[in-house]
């Protein structure tokens, strides 16, 4: 049997390793358009901050594919022929398959702002992006960061730690609208401003002009233009599905997959950022572009391509990061609504905030801001959410954490 895996990151690697647990003989070909050893996108900000050396971003060594008895090809897939079961590469060569796994991930997207196509405008999504940015991270440089999601704010934090002057522009009225509730966002925003970031909310960037000196002039609606040395765009990503044009593979925003990571086309699977799959809460097709979700999906697909029939219990979105000397994290359905029970734990003295959301006495989500110890609380909650544990008691859970973080005031409201 010929197995082809397109993609060389968390989803594809976990699929490869799981497949080899059950099948040590089938031929496997891994295809990646990114050159070099597999690396972790999560580590890119640490490299830019100078906390990691370049080689520390890699997560597998040079002998990895030999060890996995897999052929590795560094080329871009431009087309799939599901009738002849062939993958067509950018040099017109073809690779045949019996089963195909699409783990092509996502790419950074640019908003329709004139000037973003110019030299000196970067993303922070790939290792190549980080390598291109690193020479600019010098004290005294001025940078504009577009967007206020995880990627954008990690870029802003890395720039601040290296002594740059940072301006962040966000179109919405608050930061991280999909990751933090309003209280958590305000706490993080206070820290961002405390560190000297020029944070501009409700701001629409009209255009960016390239200057003769190599810098950029930024035009924001209703504000005075200002100059920066370079620009980082962090306004979202899109799944890499262009090579599937003309195929029968069903695509919504990403590739639609079932609980076994199977697409609608026999023999073709999809996982990771490119896949719209089931969630813990029963939704059939949602994209959670998260490293843990990619790993989980990859393991299910790898097992099933080997002949197993495993079902994914569903992705549970969980975002965790530490920036501007504060830890922020969220999981599941953490925005409270009229029919949900919300448990709030506040420690103003130590700048800690916890919110746990329940529905019909069952935990469905939560968010924490403050001490890194609080992230463990979400880890404890995770299995309870998946098991729909009606015996979950927020006050009991928090007691253990209060031994490590200062005592708090409680407000349990409906």
Foldseek 3Di string as FASTA:
>chain_A
DEEEEEDQEQQRVLLLVLLCVQDLDYAYEYEYQDDDAYFDLVCLLCVLLVNDPLVVRHDDDPCVCVVSNYHYHNFAFQAADLVQQWTATPVRDIDHGQFYEYAHAWFADDDPAAPCVDPQEAESGDSVRSVVCNVQLAAAFEEEEEAAAPRSQSNVQSSLSRHYAYEYEELAQFHHVPWDDPVQRVLVVVLSVVSPYNYHYNKDWRHWAQDPVQWIWTDIPPDDIDIGNHYYYHPDIAAPDNNHPPPPQDADSATFAEQLQDTPRPNYGYAAQRFFAFALVGDGGDGQNDSVRSNQNSSSNSNVNSPDDDGHNHHKHKDWDAGSNKIKMKIFPADDDDQKKKKWWDDPVQSKIKIWIGHPQQTGMIMIMGDPLCVVLVVVNVVSNSVRPSPDDVVVSCVVVCVVPPHTDIDTDD
